[in-house]
């Protein structure tokens, strides 16, 4: 979702995003002996762009704090919080 510009405060754009990543049940080895459970990872984020040149953003990944695993079954980090800033000139 994107909002229109708010020139009074110098805001040229505001964004809100949501993403769901689904991985179904799968196997971790070629013989099919190790089965990995399904995963649903939900992320939300927002970003503000000022004067079309400075961007500030926040993102929260794995909102439901599930225990994801990689392709071989090793655990990955749980919930994470990210801050982002960028400037264009």
PDB file of N, CA and C in Angstrom:
ATOM      1  N   UNK A   1       0.834  -1.150   0.000  1.00  0.00           N
ATOM      2  CA  UNK A   1       0.000   0.000   0.000  1.00  0.00           C
ATOM      3  C   UNK A   1       0.894   1.232   0.000  1.00  0.00           C
ATOM      4  N   UNK A   2       0.540   2.226  -0.821  1.00  0.00           N
ATOM      5  CA  UNK A   2       1.275   3.489  -0.890  1.00  0.00           C
ATOM      6  C   UNK A   2       0.311   4.639  -0.687  1.00  0.00           C
ATOM      7  N   UNK A   3       0.760   5.648   0.014  1.00  0.00           N
ATOM      8  CA  UNK A   3      -0.090   6.818   0.240  1.00  0.00           C
ATOM      9  C   UNK A   3       0.332   7.949  -0.690  1.00  0.00           C
ATOM     10  N   UNK A   4      -0.547   8.907  -0.923  1.00  0.00           N
ATOM     11  CA  UNK A   4      -0.148  10.088  -1.694  1.00  0.00           C
ATOM     12  C   UNK A   4       0.799  10.972  -0.881  1.00  0.00           C
ATOM     13  N   UNK A   5       1.427  11.922  -1.562  1.00  0.00           N
ATOM     14  CA  UNK A   5       2.396  12.811  -0.913  1.00  0.00           C
ATOM     15  C   UNK A   5       1.711  13.749   0.080  1.00  0.00           C
ATOM     16  N   UNK A   6       2.444  14.094   1.124  1.00  0.00           N
ATOM     17  CA  UNK A   6       2.007  15.078   2.112  1.00  0.00           C
ATOM     18  C   UNK A   6       3.032  16.208   2.106  1.00  0.00           C
ATOM     19  N   UNK A   7       2.909  17.172   1.214  1.00  0.00           N
ATOM     20  CA  UNK A   7       3.943  18.203   1.082  1.00  0.00           C
ATOM     21  C   UNK A   7       4.113  19.073   2.326  1.00  0.00           C
ATOM     22  N   UNK A   8       3.096  19.191   3.146  1.00  0.00           N
ATOM     23  CA  UNK A   8       3.176  20.044   4.343  1.00  0.00           C
ATOM     24  C   UNK A   8       4.279  19.584   5.308  1.00  0.00           C
ATOM     25  N   UNK A   9       4.498  18.279   5.438  1.00  0.00           N
ATOM     26  CA  UNK A   9       5.540  17.747   6.330  1.00  0.00           C
ATOM     27  C   UNK A   9       6.758  17.246   5.554  1.00  0.00           C
ATOM     28  N   UNK A  10       6.760  17.422   4.238  1.00  0.00           N
ATOM     29  CA  UNK A  10       7.896  16.985   3.426  1.00  0.00           C
ATOM     30  C   UNK A  10       7.868  15.515   3.073  1.00  0.00           C
ATOM     31  N   UNK A  11       6.776  14.834   3.361  1.00  0.00           N
ATOM     32  CA  UNK A  11       6.665  13.401   3.069  1.00  0.00           C
ATOM     33  C   UNK A  11       6.215  13.207   1.628  1.00  0.00           C
ATOM     34  N   UNK A  12       7.039  12.547   0.841  1.00  0.00           N
ATOM     35  CA  UNK A  12       6.671  12.322  -0.552  1.00  0.00           C
ATOM     36  C   UNK A  12       6.048  10.953  -0.778  1.00  0.00           C
ATOM     37  N   UNK A  13       6.273  10.012   0.135  1.00  0.00           N
ATOM     38  CA  UNK A  13       5.707   8.678  -0.036  1.00  0.00           C
ATOM     39  C   UNK A  13       5.719   7.931   1.293  1.00  0.00           C
ATOM     40  N   UNK A  14       4.691   7.129   1.531  1.00  0.00           N
ATOM     41  CA  UNK A  14       4.629   6.238   2.696  1.00  0.00           C
ATOM     42  C   UNK A  14       4.189   4.873   2.198  1.00  0.00           C
ATOM     43  N   UNK A  15       4.879   3.824   2.636  1.00  0.00           N
ATOM     44  CA  UNK A  15       4.562   2.466   2.187  1.00  0.00           C
ATOM     45  C   UNK A  15       4.333   1.558   3.389  1.00  0.00           C
ATOM     46  N   UNK A  16       3.422   0.624   3.210  1.00  0.00           N
ATOM     47  CA  UNK A  16       3.141  -0.410   4.196  1.00  0.00           C
ATOM     48  C   UNK A  16       3.114  -1.727   3.444  1.00  0.00           C
ATOM     49  N   UNK A  17       3.830  -2.727   3.938  1.00  0.00           N
ATOM     50  CA  UNK A  17       3.893  -4.002   3.225  1.00  0.00           C
ATOM     51  C   UNK A  17       3.707  -5.176   4.182  1.00  0.00           C
ATOM     52  N   UNK A  18       3.246  -6.259   3.625  1.00  0.00           N
ATOM     53  CA  UNK A  18       3.080  -7.512   4.353  1.00  0.00           C
ATOM     54  C   UNK A  18       3.446  -8.646   3.406  1.00  0.00           C
ATOM     55  N   UNK A  19       4.151  -9.639   3.916  1.00  0.00           N
ATOM     56  CA  UNK A  19       4.575 -10.755   3.074  1.00  0.00           C
ATOM     57  C   UNK A  19       4.431 -12.059   3.855  1.00  0.00           C
ATOM     58  N   UNK A  20       3.900 -13.073   3.200  1.00  0.00           N
ATOM     59  CA  UNK A  20       3.780 -14.407   3.794  1.00  0.00           C
ATOM     60  C   UNK A  20       4.574 -15.372   2.926  1.00  0.00           C
ATOM     61  N   UNK A  21       5.449 -16.130   3.554  1.00  0.00           N
ATOM     62  CA  UNK A  21       6.240 -17.138   2.847  1.00  0.00           C
ATOM     63  C   UNK A  21       5.822 -18.501   3.382  1.00  0.00           C
ATOM     64  N   UNK A  22       5.364 -19.355   2.478  1.00  0.00           N
ATOM     65  CA  UNK A  22       4.909 -20.681   2.883  1.00  0.00           C
ATOM     66  C   UNK A  22       5.818 -21.725   2.260  1.00  0.00           C
ATOM     67  N   UNK A  23       6.314 -22.627   3.070  1.00  0.00           N
ATOM     68  CA  UNK A  23       7.088 -23.779   2.606  1.00  0.00           C
ATOM     69  C   UNK A  23       6.357 -25.031   3.069  1.00  0.00           C
ATOM     70  N   UNK A  24       5.965 -25.856   2.148  1.00  0.00           N
ATOM     71  CA  UNK A  24       5.251 -27.079   2.494  1.00  0.00           C
ATOM     72  C   UNK A  24       6.179 -28.139   3.078  1.00  0.00           C
ATOM     73  N   UNK A  25       5.607 -29.232   3.483  1.00  0.00           N
ATOM     74  CA  UNK A  25       6.384 -30.355   4.009  1.00  0.00           C
ATOM     75  C   UNK A  25       7.333 -30.831   2.923  1.00  0.00           C
ATOM     76  N   UNK A  26       8.581 -31.081   3.308  1.00  0.00           N
ATOM     77  CA  UNK A  26       9.588 -31.510   2.350  1.00  0.00           C
ATOM     78  C   UNK A  26      10.566 -32.450   3.032  1.00  0.00           C
ATOM     79  N   UNK A  27      11.409 -33.078   2.241  1.00  0.00           N
ATOM     80  CA  UNK A  27      12.409 -33.998   2.791  1.00  0.00           C
ATOM     81  C   UNK A  27      13.780 -33.345   2.726  1.00  0.00           C
ATOM     82  N   UNK A  28      14.650 -33.699   3.672  1.00  0.00           N
ATOM     83  CA  UNK A  28      15.969 -33.089   3.777  1.00  0.00           C
ATOM     84  C   UNK A  28      17.066 -33.946   3.159  1.00  0.00           C
ATOM     85  N   UNK A  29      16.775 -35.178   2.820  1.00  0.00           N
ATOM     86  CA  UNK A  29      17.799 -36.048   2.242  1.00  0.00           C
ATOM     87  C   UNK A  29      17.252 -36.737   1.000  1.00  0.00           C
ATOM     88  N   UNK A  30      18.123 -37.170   0.101  1.00  0.00           N
ATOM     89  CA  UNK A  30      17.673 -37.800  -1.149  1.00  0.00           C
ATOM     90  C   UNK A  30      16.864 -39.086  -0.936  1.00  0.00           C
ATOM     91  N   UNK A  31      17.099 -39.786   0.167  1.00  0.00           N
ATOM     92  CA  UNK A  31      16.373 -41.030   0.424  1.00  0.00           C
ATOM     93  C   UNK A  31      14.974 -40.772   0.981  1.00  0.00           C
ATOM     94  N   UNK A  32      14.684 -39.559   1.391  1.00  0.00           N
ATOM     95  CA  UNK A  32      13.373 -39.223   1.934  1.00  0.00           C
ATOM     96  C   UNK A  32      13.154 -39.701   3.352  1.00  0.00           C
ATOM     97  N   UNK A  33      14.217 -39.870   4.126  1.00  0.00           N
ATOM     98  CA  UNK A  33      14.102 -40.376   5.489  1.00  0.00           C
ATOM     99  C   UNK A  33      13.856 -39.273   6.519  1.00  0.00           C
ATOM    100  N   UNK A  34      14.323 -38.057   6.229  1.00  0.00           N
ATOM    101  CA  UNK A  34      14.166 -36.941   7.164  1.00  0.00           C
ATOM    102  C   UNK A  34      13.139 -35.971   6.589  1.00  0.00           C
ATOM    103  N   UNK A  35      12.012 -35.841   7.276  1.00  0.00           N
ATOM    104  CA  UNK A  35      10.947 -34.967   6.806  1.00  0.00           C
ATOM    105  C   UNK A  35      10.944 -33.666   7.603  1.00  0.00           C
ATOM    106  N   UNK A  36      10.884 -32.538   6.886  1.00  0.00           N
ATOM    107  CA  UNK A  36      10.833 -31.226   7.519  1.00  0.00           C
ATOM    108  C   UNK A  36       9.398 -30.724   7.489  1.00  0.00           C
ATOM    109  N   UNK A  37       8.942 -30.198   8.606  1.00  0.00           N
ATOM    110  CA  UNK A  37       7.556 -29.730   8.721  1.00  0.00           C
ATOM    111  C   UNK A  37       7.331 -28.477   7.878  1.00  0.00           C
ATOM    112  N   UNK A  38       6.069 -28.180   7.595  1.00  0.00           N
ATOM    113  CA  UNK A  38       5.732 -26.967   6.847  1.00  0.00           C
ATOM    114  C   UNK A  38       6.027 -25.725   7.687  1.00  0.00           C
ATOM    115  N   UNK A  39       6.239 -24.602   6.993  1.00  0.00           N
ATOM    116  CA  UNK A  39       6.553 -23.349   7.664  1.00  0.00           C
ATOM    117  C   UNK A  39       5.726 -22.228   7.054  1.00  0.00           C
ATOM    118  N   UNK A  40       5.260 -21.326   7.896  1.00  0.00           N
ATOM    119  CA  UNK A  40       4.581 -20.101   7.463  1.00  0.00           C
ATOM    120  C   UNK A  40       5.283 -18.942   8.153  1.00  0.00           C
ATOM    121  N   UNK A  41       5.947 -18.119   7.362  1.00  0.00           N
ATOM    122  CA  UNK A  41       6.686 -16.987   7.909  1.00  0.00           C
ATOM    123  C   UNK A  41       6.025 -15.702   7.431  1.00  0.00           C
ATOM    124  N   UNK A  42       5.609 -14.854   8.371  1.00  0.00           N
ATOM    125  CA  UNK A  42       4.890 -13.625   8.066  1.00  0.00           C
ATOM    126  C   UNK A  42       5.765 -12.437   8.442  1.00  0.00           C
ATOM    127  N   UNK A  43       5.914 -11.493   7.513  1.00  0.00           N
ATOM    128  CA  UNK A  43       6.711 -10.294   7.735  1.00  0.00           C
ATOM    129  C   UNK A  43       5.871  -9.053   7.440  1.00  0.00           C
ATOM    130  N   UNK A  44       6.083  -7.992   8.204  1.00  0.00           N
ATOM    131  CA  UNK A  44       5.416  -6.712   7.964  1.00  0.00           C
ATOM    132  C   UNK A  44       6.481  -5.613   7.991  1.00  0.00           C
ATOM    133  N   UNK A  45       6.224  -4.544   7.244  1.00  0.00           N
ATOM    134  CA  UNK A  45       7.185  -3.447   7.212  1.00  0.00           C
ATOM    135  C   UNK A  45       6.527  -2.151   6.801  1.00  0.00           C
ATOM    136  N   UNK A  46       7.240  -1.070   7.034  1.00  0.00           N
ATOM    137  CA  UNK A  46       6.775   0.253   6.630  1.00  0.00           C
ATOM    138  C   UNK A  46       7.992   1.084   6.240  1.00  0.00           C
ATOM    139  N   UNK A  47       7.763   2.067   5.369  1.00  0.00           N
ATOM    140  CA  UNK A  47       8.834   2.962   4.938  1.00  0.00           C
ATOM    141  C   UNK A  47       8.250   4.351   4.697  1.00  0.00           C
ATOM    142  N   UNK A  48       9.030   5.366   5.029  1.00  0.00           N
ATOM    143  CA  UNK A  48       8.664   6.761   4.793  1.00  0.00           C
ATOM    144  C   UNK A  48       9.755   7.386   3.928  1.00  0.00           C
ATOM    145  N   UNK A  49       9.352   8.105   2.872  1.00  0.00           N
ATOM    146  CA  UNK A  49      10.296   8.776   1.985  1.00  0.00           C
ATOM    147  C   UNK A  49      10.054  10.278   2.092  1.00  0.00           C
ATOM    148  N   UNK A  50      11.097  11.008   2.436  1.00  0.00           N
ATOM    149  CA  UNK A  50      11.010  12.453   2.594  1.00  0.00           C
ATOM    150  C   UNK A  50      11.710  13.150   1.433  1.00  0.00           C
ATOM    151  N   UNK A  51      11.012  14.106   0.833  1.00  0.00           N
ATOM    152  CA  UNK A  51      11.542  14.919  -0.270  1.00  0.00           C
ATOM    153  C   UNK A  51      12.042  14.060  -1.427  1.00  0.00           C
ATOM    154  N   UNK A  52      11.588  12.842  -1.543  1.00  0.00           N
ATOM    155  CA  UNK A  52      11.987  11.959  -2.627  1.00  0.00           C
ATOM    156  C   UNK A  52      13.424  11.481  -2.549  1.00  0.00           C
ATOM    157  N   UNK A  53      14.133  11.792  -1.460  1.00  0.00           N
ATOM    158  CA  UNK A  53      15.556  11.464  -1.386  1.00  0.00           C
ATOM    159  C   UNK A  53      15.985  10.703  -0.135  1.00  0.00           C
ATOM    160  N   UNK A  54      15.289  10.859   0.966  1.00  0.00           N
ATOM    161  CA  UNK A  54      15.670  10.201   2.221  1.00  0.00           C
ATOM    162  C   UNK A  54      14.586   9.196   2.600  1.00  0.00           C
ATOM    163  N   UNK A  55      14.995   7.959   2.801  1.00  0.00           N
ATOM    164  CA  UNK A  55      14.041   6.895   3.137  1.00  0.00           C
ATOM    165  C   UNK A  55      14.379   6.295   4.499  1.00  0.00           C
ATOM    166  N   UNK A  56      13.364   6.127   5.330  1.00  0.00           N
ATOM    167  CA  UNK A  56      13.495   5.477   6.631  1.00  0.00           C
ATOM    168  C   UNK A  56      12.510   4.315   6.664  1.00  0.00           C
ATOM    169  N   UNK A  57      12.971   3.148   7.090  1.00  0.00           N
ATOM    170  CA  UNK A  57      12.089   1.987   7.085  1.00  0.00           C
ATOM    171  C   UNK A  57      12.281   1.093   8.296  1.00  0.00           C
ATOM    172  N   UNK A  58      11.244   0.329   8.589  1.00  0.00           N
ATOM    173  CA  UNK A  58      11.229  -0.633   9.692  1.00  0.00           C
ATOM    174  C   UNK A  58      10.611  -1.917   9.159  1.00  0.00           C
ATOM    175  N   UNK A  59      11.179  -3.065   9.545  1.00  0.00           N
ATOM    176  CA  UNK A  59      10.619  -4.351   9.135  1.00  0.00           C
ATOM    177  C   UNK A  59      10.721  -5.347  10.285  1.00  0.00           C
ATOM    178  N   UNK A  60       9.660  -6.105  10.486  1.00  0.00           N
ATOM    179  CA  UNK A  60       9.621  -7.167  11.481  1.00  0.00           C
ATOM    180  C   UNK A  60       9.378  -8.474  10.734  1.00  0.00           C
ATOM    181  N   UNK A  61      10.331  -9.390  10.806  1.00  0.00           N
ATOM    182  CA  UNK A  61      10.210 -10.666  10.108  1.00  0.00           C
ATOM    183  C   UNK A  61       9.860 -11.770  11.099  1.00  0.00           C
ATOM    184  N   UNK A  62       9.224 -12.812  10.596  1.00  0.00           N
ATOM    185  CA  UNK A  62       8.799 -13.949  11.399  1.00  0.00           C
ATOM    186  C   UNK A  62       7.940 -13.477  12.574  1.00  0.00           C
ATOM    187  N   UNK A  63       6.896 -12.737  12.237  1.00  0.00           N
ATOM    188  CA  UNK A  63       6.028 -12.101  13.228  1.00  0.00           C
ATOM    189  C   UNK A  63       5.448 -13.099  14.235  1.00  0.00           C
ATOM    190  N   UNK A  64       5.137 -14.319  13.800  1.00  0.00           N
ATOM    191  CA  UNK A  64       4.539 -15.324  14.682  1.00  0.00           C
ATOM    192  C   UNK A  64       5.578 -16.113  15.472  1.00  0.00           C
ATOM    193  N   UNK A  65       6.864 -15.782  15.286  1.00  0.00           N
ATOM    194  CA  UNK A  65       7.984 -16.400  16.009  1.00  0.00           C
ATOM    195  C   UNK A  65       7.994 -17.923  15.897  1.00  0.00           C
ATOM    196  N   UNK A  66       7.848 -18.420  14.681  1.00  0.00           N
ATOM    197  CA  UNK A  66       7.980 -19.856  14.456  1.00  0.00           C
ATOM    198  C   UNK A  66       9.461 -20.214  14.401  1.00  0.00           C
ATOM    199  N   UNK A  67       9.778 -21.480  14.526  1.00  0.00           N
ATOM    200  CA  UNK A  67      11.166 -21.940  14.475  1.00  0.00           C
ATOM    201  C   UNK A  67      11.472 -22.462  13.078  1.00  0.00           C
ATOM    202  N   UNK A  68      11.927 -21.584  12.179  1.00  0.00           N
ATOM    203  CA  UNK A  68      12.221 -22.044  10.819  1.00  0.00           C
ATOM    204  C   UNK A  68      13.502 -22.855  10.765  1.00  0.00           C
ATOM    205  N   UNK A  69      13.603 -23.681   9.733  1.00  0.00           N
ATOM    206  CA  UNK A  69      14.810 -24.470   9.493  1.00  0.00           C
ATOM    207  C   UNK A  69      15.234 -24.270   8.040  1.00  0.00           C
ATOM    208  N   UNK A  70      16.520 -24.498   7.765  1.00  0.00           N
ATOM    209  CA  UNK A  70      16.996 -24.372   6.396  1.00  0.00           C
ATOM    210  C   UNK A  70      16.717 -25.667   5.629  1.00  0.00           C
ATOM    211  N   UNK A  71      17.292 -25.787   4.447  1.00  0.00           N
ATOM    212  CA  UNK A  71      16.998 -26.928   3.580  1.00  0.00           C
ATOM    213  C   UNK A  71      17.516 -28.258   4.113  1.00  0.00           C
ATOM    214  N   UNK A  72      18.434 -28.220   5.077  1.00  0.00           N
ATOM    215  CA  UNK A  72      18.966 -29.453   5.644  1.00  0.00           C
ATOM    216  C   UNK A  72      18.416 -29.748   7.033  1.00  0.00           C
ATOM    217  N   UNK A  73      17.549 -28.864   7.546  1.00  0.00           N
ATOM    218  CA  UNK A  73      16.951 -29.095   8.853  1.00  0.00           C
ATOM    219  C   UNK A  73      17.621 -28.377  10.001  1.00  0.00           C
ATOM    220  N   UNK A  74      18.648 -27.566   9.722  1.00  0.00           N
ATOM    221  CA  UNK A  74      19.313 -26.814  10.787  1.00  0.00           C
ATOM    222  C   UNK A  74      18.462 -25.603  11.163  1.00  0.00           C
ATOM    223  N   UNK A  75      18.370 -25.265  12.455  1.00  0.00           N
ATOM    224  CA  UNK A  75      17.517 -24.137  12.870  1.00  0.00           C
ATOM    225  C   UNK A  75      18.058 -22.796  12.394  1.00  0.00           C
ATOM    226  N   UNK A  76      17.129 -21.902  12.080  1.00  0.00           N
ATOM    227  CA  UNK A  76      17.442 -20.523  11.695  1.00  0.00           C
ATOM    228  C   UNK A  76      16.958 -19.585  12.792  1.00  0.00           C
ATOM    229  N   UNK A  77      17.416 -18.335  12.799  1.00  0.00           N
ATOM    230  CA  UNK A  77      16.964 -17.393  13.836  1.00  0.00           C
ATOM    231  C   UNK A  77      15.454 -17.195  13.809  1.00  0.00           C
ATOM    232  N   UNK A  78      14.890 -16.863  14.953  1.00  0.00           N
ATOM    233  CA  UNK A  78      13.453 -16.623  15.062  1.00  0.00           C
ATOM    234  C   UNK A  78      13.089 -15.220  14.607  1.00  0.00           C
ATOM    235  N   UNK A  79      12.281 -14.548  15.389  1.00  0.00           N
ATOM    236  CA  UNK A  79      11.808 -13.199  15.041  1.00  0.00           C
ATOM    237  C   UNK A  79      12.991 -12.232  14.949  1.00  0.00           C
ATOM    238  N   UNK A  80      12.909 -11.300  13.990  1.00  0.00           N
ATOM    239  CA  UNK A  80      13.979 -10.313  13.808  1.00  0.00           C
ATOM    240  C   UNK A  80      13.373  -8.948  13.499  1.00  0.00           C
ATOM    241  N   UNK A  81      14.084  -7.891  13.905  1.00  0.00           N
ATOM    242  CA  UNK A  81      13.647  -6.515  13.722  1.00  0.00           C
ATOM    243  C   UNK A  81      14.742  -5.773  12.960  1.00  0.00           C
ATOM    244  N   UNK A  82      14.374  -5.062  11.891  1.00  0.00           N
ATOM    245  CA  UNK A  82      15.347  -4.362  11.065  1.00  0.00           C
ATOM    246  C   UNK A  82      14.972  -2.893  10.927  1.00  0.00           C
ATOM    247  N   UNK A  83      15.965  -2.019  10.995  1.00  0.00           N
ATOM    248  CA  UNK A  83      15.822  -0.601  10.697  1.00  0.00           C
ATOM    249  C   UNK A  83      16.628  -0.324   9.431  1.00  0.00           C
ATOM    250  N   UNK A  84      16.090   0.535   8.576  1.00  0.00           N
ATOM    251  CA  UNK A  84      16.765   0.796   7.311  1.00  0.00           C
ATOM    252  C   UNK A  84      16.721   2.306   7.035  1.00  0.00           C
ATOM    253  N   UNK A  85      17.811   2.833   6.503  1.00  0.00           N
ATOM    254  CA  UNK A  85      17.813   4.218   6.052  1.00  0.00           C
ATOM    255  C   UNK A  85      18.612   4.288   4.752  1.00  0.00           C
ATOM    256  N   UNK A  86      18.184   5.201   3.873  1.00  0.00           N
ATOM    257  CA  UNK A  86      18.870   5.369   2.598  1.00  0.00           C
ATOM    258  C   UNK A  86      18.732   6.818   2.159  1.00  0.00           C
ATOM    259  N   UNK A  87      19.747   7.291   1.455  1.00  0.00           N
ATOM    260  CA  UNK A  87      19.702   8.654   0.906  1.00  0.00           C
ATOM    261  C   UNK A  87      20.123   8.589  -0.556  1.00  0.00           C
ATOM    262  N   UNK A  88      19.418   9.320  -1.392  1.00  0.00           N
ATOM    263  CA  UNK A  88      19.754   9.389  -2.814  1.00  0.00           C
ATOM    264  C   UNK A  88      20.141  10.814  -3.146  1.00  0.00           C
ATOM    265  N   UNK A  89      21.170  10.969  -3.966  1.00  0.00           N
ATOM    266  CA  UNK A  89      21.541  12.309  -4.406  1.00  0.00           C
ATOM    267  C   UNK A  89      21.993  12.273  -5.833  1.00  0.00           C
TER     268      UNK A  89
END
